[in-house]
N, C-alpha and C. Protein backbone atom coordinates (compact mmCIF):
# COMPACT_ATOMS: atom_id res chain seq x y z
N ILE A 1 -4.78 -9.26 12.88
CA ILE A 1 -4.58 -7.85 11.81
C ILE A 1 -3.49 -8.08 11.08
N MET A 2 -2.05 -8.85 12.15
CA MET A 2 -0.94 -8.50 10.90
C MET A 2 -1.08 -9.27 9.74
N GLU A 3 -1.70 -10.43 9.68
CA GLU A 3 -1.94 -10.99 8.40
C GLU A 3 -2.52 -10.28 7.28
N ILE A 4 -3.55 -9.52 7.97
CA ILE A 4 -4.24 -8.61 6.86
C ILE A 4 -3.19 -7.58 6.38
N LYS A 5 -2.43 -6.87 7.58
CA LYS A 5 -1.70 -5.31 7.23
C LYS A 5 -0.47 -6.04 6.17
N HIS A 6 0.05 -7.06 6.42
CA HIS A 6 1.32 -7.72 5.35
C HIS A 6 0.78 -8.26 4.19
N GLY A 7 -0.33 -8.86 4.12
CA GLY A 7 -1.02 -8.89 2.75
C GLY A 7 -1.21 -7.84 2.01
N ARG A 8 -1.85 -6.47 2.61
CA ARG A 8 -2.09 -5.26 1.97
C ARG A 8 -0.81 -4.90 1.22
N ALA A 9 0.22 -4.88 2.26
CA ALA A 9 1.31 -4.12 1.96
C ALA A 9 2.20 -5.27 0.57
N ALA A 10 1.77 -6.21 0.89
CA ALA A 10 2.43 -7.07 -0.23
C ALA A 10 1.54 -7.16 -1.43
N MET A 11 0.32 -6.84 -1.42
CA MET A 11 -0.45 -6.61 -2.50
C MET A 11 0.05 -5.18 -3.44
N LEU A 12 0.22 -4.18 -2.33
CA LEU A 12 0.88 -2.94 -2.97
C LEU A 12 2.15 -3.10 -3.65
N GLY A 13 3.15 -3.90 -3.17
CA GLY A 13 4.36 -4.36 -3.52
C GLY A 13 4.54 -5.09 -4.79
N PHE A 14 3.43 -6.13 -5.18
CA PHE A 14 3.38 -6.88 -6.06
C PHE A 14 2.85 -5.86 -7.52
N LEU A 15 1.68 -4.85 -6.86
CA LEU A 15 1.34 -4.06 -7.97
C LEU A 15 2.49 -3.28 -8.34
N HIS A 16 3.43 -2.66 -7.60
CA HIS A 16 4.46 -1.83 -7.82
C HIS A 16 5.41 -2.61 -8.71
N VAL A 17 5.60 -3.84 -8.56
CA VAL A 17 6.58 -4.66 -9.74
C VAL A 17 6.02 -4.77 -10.81
N ILE A 18 4.77 -4.96 -10.88
CA ILE A 18 4.07 -4.89 -12.19
C ILE A 18 4.13 -3.65 -12.92
N HIS A 19 3.85 -2.69 -12.33
CA HIS A 19 3.77 -1.20 -13.00
C HIS A 19 5.22 -0.96 -13.18
N ILE A 20 6.23 -0.91 -12.32
CA ILE A 20 7.51 -0.92 -12.93
C ILE A 20 8.31 -1.48 -13.71
N GLU A 21 8.03 -3.01 -14.13
CA GLU A 21 8.33 -3.96 -15.02
C GLU A 21 7.99 -3.60 -16.52
N SER A 22 6.86 -3.11 -16.19
CA SER A 22 5.90 -2.77 -17.75
C SER A 22 6.16 -1.45 -18.22
N GLY A 23 7.21 -0.77 -17.50
CA GLY A 23 7.55 0.43 -18.20
C GLY A 23 7.10 1.78 -17.84
N VAL A 24 5.64 1.60 -17.21
CA VAL A 24 5.06 3.04 -16.70
C VAL A 24 5.80 3.70 -15.54
N ARG A 25 6.15 4.87 -15.82
CA ARG A 25 6.74 5.70 -15.22
C ARG A 25 5.80 7.18 -14.59
N PHE A 26 5.70 7.72 -13.66
CA PHE A 26 5.01 8.97 -13.47
C PHE A 26 6.05 10.32 -14.09
N PRO A 27 5.26 11.29 -14.56
CA PRO A 27 5.97 12.21 -14.90
C PRO A 27 6.15 13.47 -13.94
N GLY A 28 7.37 14.06 -14.07
CA GLY A 28 8.03 14.99 -13.36
C GLY A 28 9.40 14.34 -12.37
N TYR A 29 9.50 14.96 -11.36
CA TYR A 29 10.12 14.78 -10.32
C TYR A 29 10.09 14.12 -9.25
N LEU A 30 11.07 12.85 -9.08
CA LEU A 30 10.67 12.36 -7.64
C LEU A 30 11.47 13.25 -6.71
N SER A 31 12.21 13.75 -6.83
CA SER A 31 13.32 14.44 -5.83
C SER A 31 13.93 15.69 -6.73
N THR A 32 13.12 17.10 -6.87
CA THR A 32 13.77 18.42 -7.30
C THR A 32 15.16 18.81 -6.47
N THR A 33 15.32 18.48 -5.49
CA THR A 33 16.78 18.70 -4.80
C THR A 33 17.82 17.69 -5.28
N ALA A 34 17.39 16.51 -5.81
CA ALA A 34 18.37 15.63 -5.89
C ALA A 34 18.51 15.79 -7.58
N ASP A 35 17.70 16.26 -8.32
CA ASP A 35 17.34 16.45 -9.61
C ASP A 35 17.17 15.00 -10.19
N LEU A 36 16.40 14.01 -9.50
CA LEU A 36 15.96 12.69 -10.07
C LEU A 36 14.28 12.80 -10.35
N LYS A 37 14.38 12.28 -11.71
CA LYS A 37 13.08 12.23 -12.26
C LYS A 37 12.44 10.64 -11.95
N PHE A 38 11.49 10.46 -12.08
CA PHE A 38 10.81 9.12 -12.02
C PHE A 38 11.37 8.18 -13.03
N THR A 39 11.34 8.79 -14.12
CA THR A 39 12.10 8.27 -15.38
C THR A 39 13.61 7.68 -14.86
N ASP A 40 14.15 8.46 -14.05
CA ASP A 40 15.73 7.99 -13.92
C ASP A 40 15.92 6.86 -12.87
N VAL A 41 14.63 6.41 -12.46
CA VAL A 41 15.04 5.38 -11.14
C VAL A 41 14.85 4.01 -11.98
N PRO A 42 15.91 3.10 -11.36
CA PRO A 42 15.88 1.73 -12.26
C PRO A 42 14.52 0.80 -12.09
N SER A 43 14.54 -0.01 -13.00
CA SER A 43 13.56 -0.71 -12.76
C SER A 43 13.29 -2.23 -11.71
N GLY A 44 14.61 -2.20 -11.27
CA GLY A 44 14.96 -3.10 -10.31
C GLY A 44 14.33 -3.12 -9.13
N LEU A 45 13.90 -4.06 -8.34
CA LEU A 45 13.53 -3.73 -7.02
C LEU A 45 14.58 -3.52 -6.02
N LEU A 46 15.63 -3.72 -5.96
CA LEU A 46 16.60 -3.39 -4.75
C LEU A 46 17.35 -2.17 -5.57
N ALA A 47 17.49 -2.17 -6.87
CA ALA A 47 17.96 -0.77 -7.36
C ALA A 47 17.31 0.33 -7.14
N SER A 48 16.05 0.07 -7.17
CA SER A 48 15.11 1.17 -7.07
C SER A 48 14.99 1.63 -5.49
N LEU A 49 15.17 0.86 -4.86
CA LEU A 49 15.28 1.14 -3.23
C LEU A 49 16.73 1.69 -2.82
N GLU A 50 17.94 1.74 -3.68
CA GLU A 50 18.70 2.31 -3.58
C GLU A 50 18.67 4.05 -4.18
N ALA A 51 17.77 4.01 -5.21
CA ALA A 51 17.88 5.28 -6.06
C ALA A 51 17.10 6.51 -5.22
N VAL A 52 16.23 5.99 -4.73
CA VAL A 52 15.27 6.91 -3.97
C VAL A 52 16.13 7.54 -2.74
N PRO A 53 16.39 8.76 -2.69
CA PRO A 53 16.94 9.58 -1.41
C PRO A 53 16.34 9.19 -0.09
N THR A 54 17.52 9.42 1.08
CA THR A 54 16.60 8.85 2.28
C THR A 54 15.72 9.77 2.67
N LEU A 55 15.44 11.16 2.30
CA LEU A 55 14.41 11.99 2.98
C LEU A 55 13.21 11.44 2.15
N GLY A 56 13.45 10.81 0.99
CA GLY A 56 11.98 10.28 0.43
C GLY A 56 11.57 9.08 1.36
N TRP A 57 12.36 7.94 1.65
CA TRP A 57 11.96 7.06 2.26
C TRP A 57 11.45 7.62 3.41
N LEU A 58 11.94 8.51 4.07
CA LEU A 58 11.09 9.08 5.78
C LEU A 58 10.21 9.63 4.99
N GLN A 59 9.75 10.02 4.02
CA GLN A 59 8.49 10.95 3.66
C GLN A 59 7.47 9.60 3.47
N ILE A 60 7.87 8.50 3.09
CA ILE A 60 7.04 7.41 2.81
C ILE A 60 6.71 6.69 4.13
N LEU A 61 7.52 6.69 4.92
CA LEU A 61 7.35 6.12 6.31
C LEU A 61 6.64 7.04 7.16
N ALA A 62 6.74 8.24 6.98
CA ALA A 62 5.66 9.38 7.63
C ALA A 62 4.37 8.97 7.16
N VAL A 63 4.09 8.93 6.16
CA VAL A 63 2.48 8.75 5.44
C VAL A 63 2.33 7.34 6.03
N GLY A 64 2.94 6.38 6.04
CA GLY A 64 2.63 5.02 6.75
C GLY A 64 2.22 5.15 8.08
N PHE A 65 3.21 5.87 9.06
CA PHE A 65 2.90 6.01 10.30
C PHE A 65 1.65 6.99 10.18
N ALA A 66 1.12 8.09 9.81
CA ALA A 66 0.22 8.92 9.58
C ALA A 66 -1.10 7.76 9.59
N CYS A 67 -0.88 6.78 8.46
CA CYS A 67 -2.32 6.18 8.28
C CYS A 67 -2.33 5.03 9.32
N GLU A 68 -1.08 4.54 10.12
CA GLU A 68 -1.25 3.67 10.93
C GLU A 68 -1.99 4.15 12.16
N TYR A 69 -1.58 5.27 12.59
CA TYR A 69 -2.00 5.90 14.11
C TYR A 69 -2.97 6.85 13.71
N GLY A 70 -3.75 7.00 12.53
CA GLY A 70 -5.09 7.48 12.13
C GLY A 70 -4.94 9.01 12.29
N TYR A 71 -3.62 9.56 11.88
CA TYR A 71 -3.63 11.10 11.45
C TYR A 71 -3.80 11.46 9.95
N ALA A 72 -3.60 10.59 9.23
CA ALA A 72 -3.78 10.68 7.99
C ALA A 72 -5.69 11.06 7.53
N GLY A 73 -6.35 10.51 8.23
CA GLY A 73 -7.69 10.46 8.20
C GLY A 73 -8.54 11.29 9.25
N VAL A 74 -7.90 12.36 9.90
CA VAL A 74 -8.77 12.68 10.78
C VAL A 74 -9.80 13.10 10.32
N ASP A 75 -11.14 12.79 10.68
CA ASP A 75 -12.49 13.46 9.89
C ASP A 75 -13.00 14.24 11.17
N THR A 76 -13.47 15.27 10.44
CA THR A 76 -14.21 16.15 11.10
C THR A 76 -15.83 16.28 10.77
N ILE A 77 -16.52 16.36 11.44
CA ILE A 77 -17.81 16.46 11.35
C ILE A 77 -18.57 17.76 10.93
N ASN A 78 -19.34 17.77 10.04
CA ASN A 78 -19.65 19.43 9.66
C ASN A 78 -21.28 19.06 10.13
N GLU A 79 -21.86 20.34 9.85
CA GLU A 79 -23.25 20.96 10.70
C GLU A 79 -24.28 19.62 10.33
N SER A 80 -24.35 18.87 9.20
CA SER A 80 -25.58 17.78 8.93
C SER A 80 -25.09 16.33 9.68
N GLY A 81 -24.08 16.45 10.39
CA GLY A 81 -23.71 15.15 11.03
C GLY A 81 -23.01 14.28 10.25
N ALA A 82 -22.69 14.65 8.82
CA ALA A 82 -21.50 13.86 7.96
C ALA A 82 -20.41 13.88 8.18
N GLY A 83 -19.23 13.04 7.89
CA GLY A 83 -18.01 13.32 7.87
C GLY A 83 -17.29 14.13 6.80
N THR A 84 -16.49 14.71 6.62
CA THR A 84 -15.77 15.46 5.50
C THR A 84 -15.10 14.70 4.55
N ARG A 85 -14.50 13.58 4.99
CA ARG A 85 -13.49 12.93 4.29
C ARG A 85 -14.22 11.35 4.46
N PRO A 86 -15.04 11.12 3.60
CA PRO A 86 -15.68 9.70 3.86
C PRO A 86 -14.96 8.61 3.35
N TRP A 87 -13.57 8.82 2.50
CA TRP A 87 -12.91 7.88 2.08
C TRP A 87 -11.65 7.72 2.37
N SER A 88 -11.48 8.65 3.78
CA SER A 88 -9.59 8.47 4.36
C SER A 88 -9.57 7.20 4.89
N VAL A 89 -8.20 7.20 5.21
CA VAL A 89 -7.78 5.78 6.18
C VAL A 89 -7.70 6.40 7.40
N VAL A 90 -8.43 5.69 8.55
CA VAL A 90 -8.54 5.94 9.66
C VAL A 90 -8.24 5.16 10.93
N LYS A 91 -7.85 5.40 12.13
CA LYS A 91 -7.28 4.87 13.27
C LYS A 91 -8.16 3.52 13.36
N GLN A 92 -7.63 2.59 13.94
CA GLN A 92 -8.33 1.31 13.82
C GLN A 92 -8.69 1.75 15.77
N THR A 93 -9.89 1.57 15.66
CA THR A 93 -10.75 1.43 16.93
C THR A 93 -11.05 0.28 17.43
N ASP A 94 -11.53 0.19 18.98
CA ASP A 94 -11.72 -1.00 19.47
C ASP A 94 -13.44 -1.09 18.85
N ASP A 95 -14.33 -0.26 18.28
CA ASP A 95 -15.58 -0.30 18.07
C ASP A 95 -15.73 -0.86 16.61
N LYS A 96 -14.75 -0.99 15.98
CA LYS A 96 -14.59 -1.58 14.71
C LYS A 96 -13.66 -3.14 14.68
N GLU A 97 -14.22 -3.92 13.57
CA GLU A 97 -13.54 -5.13 13.52
C GLU A 97 -12.31 -4.89 13.16
N PRO A 98 -11.21 -5.83 13.55
CA PRO A 98 -9.69 -5.63 13.04
C PRO A 98 -9.39 -5.53 11.40
N GLY A 99 -8.80 -4.61 11.17
CA GLY A 99 -8.17 -4.41 9.83
C GLY A 99 -9.54 -3.59 9.16
N ASP A 100 -10.39 -2.73 10.00
CA ASP A 100 -11.47 -1.82 9.36
C ASP A 100 -10.82 -0.45 9.89
N ILE A 101 -10.14 -0.09 8.65
CA ILE A 101 -9.41 1.26 8.92
C ILE A 101 -10.13 2.37 7.73
N GLY A 102 -11.27 2.08 7.27
CA GLY A 102 -11.98 2.60 6.06
C GLY A 102 -12.67 4.02 7.11
N GLY A 103 -12.83 4.88 6.10
CA GLY A 103 -13.91 5.89 6.58
C GLY A 103 -15.50 5.46 6.44
N PRO A 104 -16.20 6.42 6.74
CA PRO A 104 -17.46 6.32 6.49
C PRO A 104 -17.89 5.88 5.19
N GLY A 105 -17.24 5.87 4.28
CA GLY A 105 -17.75 6.07 2.89
C GLY A 105 -17.32 4.42 2.15
N TRP A 106 -16.61 3.70 3.10
CA TRP A 106 -16.13 2.46 2.45
C TRP A 106 -17.35 1.57 2.78
N VAL A 107 -17.16 0.50 1.95
CA VAL A 107 -18.09 -0.63 1.92
C VAL A 107 -17.95 -1.44 3.06
N ARG A 108 -19.20 -1.88 3.65
CA ARG A 108 -18.88 -2.67 5.09
C ARG A 108 -20.49 -3.76 4.55
N TYR A 109 -19.98 -4.90 5.05
CA TYR A 109 -21.08 -5.89 4.86
C TYR A 109 -21.55 -6.30 6.25
N ASP A 110 -23.21 -6.48 5.97
CA ASP A 110 -23.49 -6.83 7.44
C ASP A 110 -24.04 -8.20 7.56
N ASP A 111 -23.80 -8.99 6.41
CA ASP A 111 -24.27 -10.34 6.62
C ASP A 111 -23.16 -11.21 6.85
N PRO A 112 -23.30 -12.01 7.97
CA PRO A 112 -21.67 -12.37 8.59
C PRO A 112 -21.30 -13.58 7.49
N GLY A 113 -22.32 -14.19 6.53
CA GLY A 113 -21.28 -14.94 5.71
C GLY A 113 -20.69 -14.57 4.36
N VAL A 114 -21.46 -13.18 3.72
CA VAL A 114 -20.59 -12.39 2.74
C VAL A 114 -19.52 -11.82 3.53
N LYS A 115 -19.36 -11.32 4.89
CA LYS A 115 -18.40 -10.82 5.43
C LYS A 115 -17.35 -11.72 5.46
N ALA A 116 -17.62 -12.82 6.15
CA ALA A 116 -16.75 -14.14 6.57
C ALA A 116 -15.69 -14.27 4.82
N TYR A 117 -16.79 -14.31 3.90
CA TYR A 117 -16.05 -14.54 2.42
C TYR A 117 -15.34 -13.74 2.18
N LYS A 118 -15.58 -12.39 2.24
CA LYS A 118 -14.74 -11.29 1.65
C LYS A 118 -13.66 -11.22 2.38
N LEU A 119 -13.61 -11.53 3.83
CA LEU A 119 -12.28 -11.50 4.57
C LEU A 119 -11.47 -12.67 4.07
N ASN A 120 -12.02 -13.92 3.91
CA ASN A 120 -11.12 -14.94 3.38
C ASN A 120 -10.64 -14.43 2.20
N VAL A 121 -11.32 -14.07 1.05
CA VAL A 121 -10.76 -13.84 -0.01
C VAL A 121 -9.72 -13.10 0.04
N GLU A 122 -9.57 -11.66 1.11
CA GLU A 122 -8.64 -10.66 1.00
C GLU A 122 -7.22 -11.43 1.67
N ARG A 123 -7.47 -12.50 2.84
CA ARG A 123 -6.54 -12.86 3.32
C ARG A 123 -5.76 -13.90 2.23
N GLN A 124 -6.63 -14.43 1.55
CA GLN A 124 -6.07 -15.54 0.48
C GLN A 124 -5.22 -14.61 -0.53
N ASN A 125 -5.95 -13.51 -1.10
CA ASN A 125 -5.10 -12.73 -1.85
C ASN A 125 -3.77 -12.13 -1.30
N GLY A 126 -3.63 -11.62 -0.03
CA GLY A 126 -2.60 -11.23 0.59
C GLY A 126 -1.24 -12.45 0.61
N ARG A 127 -1.80 -13.41 0.95
CA ARG A 127 -0.86 -14.61 1.02
C ARG A 127 -0.38 -15.10 -0.41
N ALA A 128 -0.91 -14.87 -1.51
CA ALA A 128 -0.49 -15.01 -2.72
C ALA A 128 0.63 -14.07 -2.81
N ALA A 129 -0.15 -12.72 -2.56
CA ALA A 129 0.80 -11.60 -3.03
C ALA A 129 1.97 -11.73 -2.17
N MET A 130 2.12 -12.08 -0.77
CA MET A 130 2.96 -12.42 -0.03
C MET A 130 4.20 -13.08 -0.77
N MET A 131 3.87 -14.31 -1.51
CA MET A 131 4.71 -15.41 -1.91
C MET A 131 5.14 -14.64 -3.21
N GLY A 132 4.26 -13.94 -3.76
CA GLY A 132 4.56 -13.56 -5.20
C GLY A 132 5.93 -12.40 -5.03
N ILE A 133 5.44 -11.73 -3.79
CA ILE A 133 6.82 -10.57 -3.71
C ILE A 133 8.20 -11.16 -3.66
N THR A 134 7.65 -12.14 -2.80
CA THR A 134 9.10 -12.77 -2.35
C THR A 134 9.81 -13.72 -3.33
N GLY A 135 8.73 -14.11 -4.28
CA GLY A 135 9.41 -14.58 -5.41
C GLY A 135 10.27 -13.67 -6.22
N CYS A 136 9.61 -12.62 -6.65
CA CYS A 136 10.18 -11.45 -7.44
C CYS A 136 11.30 -11.12 -6.81
N ILE A 137 11.43 -10.90 -5.46
CA ILE A 137 12.70 -10.48 -4.82
C ILE A 137 13.73 -11.72 -4.94
N ALA A 138 13.64 -12.83 -4.83
CA ALA A 138 14.09 -13.85 -4.73
C ALA A 138 14.89 -13.90 -6.40
N HIS A 139 14.06 -14.02 -7.35
CA HIS A 139 14.53 -13.94 -8.84
C HIS A 139 15.51 -12.72 -8.90
N GLU A 140 15.25 -11.56 -8.53
CA GLU A 140 16.05 -10.51 -8.75
C GLU A 140 17.27 -10.75 -8.07
N LEU A 141 17.31 -11.39 -6.72
CA LEU A 141 18.60 -11.42 -6.13
C LEU A 141 19.55 -12.83 -6.78
N LEU A 142 18.85 -13.72 -7.48
CA LEU A 142 19.52 -14.21 -8.93
C LEU A 142 19.74 -13.72 -9.90
N GLY A 143 19.68 -12.91 -10.23
CA GLY A 143 20.39 -12.11 -11.23
C GLY A 143 19.00 -12.32 -12.53
N VAL A 144 17.88 -12.71 -12.32
CA VAL A 144 17.09 -12.98 -13.45
C VAL A 144 15.72 -11.67 -13.20
N ASP A 145 15.32 -11.69 -14.09
CA ASP A 145 13.88 -10.55 -14.41
C ASP A 145 12.95 -10.78 -13.24
N ALA A 146 12.60 -9.86 -12.63
CA ALA A 146 11.56 -10.21 -11.61
C ALA A 146 10.21 -10.93 -11.80
N LEU A 147 9.82 -10.35 -12.96
CA LEU A 147 8.32 -10.85 -13.36
C LEU A 147 8.77 -11.92 -14.46
N TYR A 148 9.40 -12.16 -15.28
CA TYR A 148 9.66 -13.22 -16.27
C TYR A 148 10.88 -13.81 -16.20
N PRO A 149 11.15 -14.64 -15.23
CA PRO A 149 12.42 -15.39 -14.82
C PRO A 149 12.87 -16.42 -16.09
């Protein structure tokens, strides 16, 4: 389970590097109290960590905690018996496979061969992303561009 989680986090981290290094920024304010816009955040991995206020990081950790423990996807059942949040992230339960934290609307595979293939692809992509984000951080620590050294 941990390799899948770390791989998913690394995939998000690497997509963040591509997003930021390409110059894409969200409109508006990252923090209205600190008068910090998304465009004011530097593009470097470590510099962007320092630019975000501490309360912003606490909010990010709170969302991660809510997803990890299932509070982000508390699903209620309506009269028809269907869940009202089919695409939410739900808590890992004992009746599901390891890493299956998707709501009822997520795709699941019944064929064992297809399921094994998809899980192996996710693991391999996660491993590649872990190496990729590690390389980006190493390049930035060496003083060169994270994406184009």
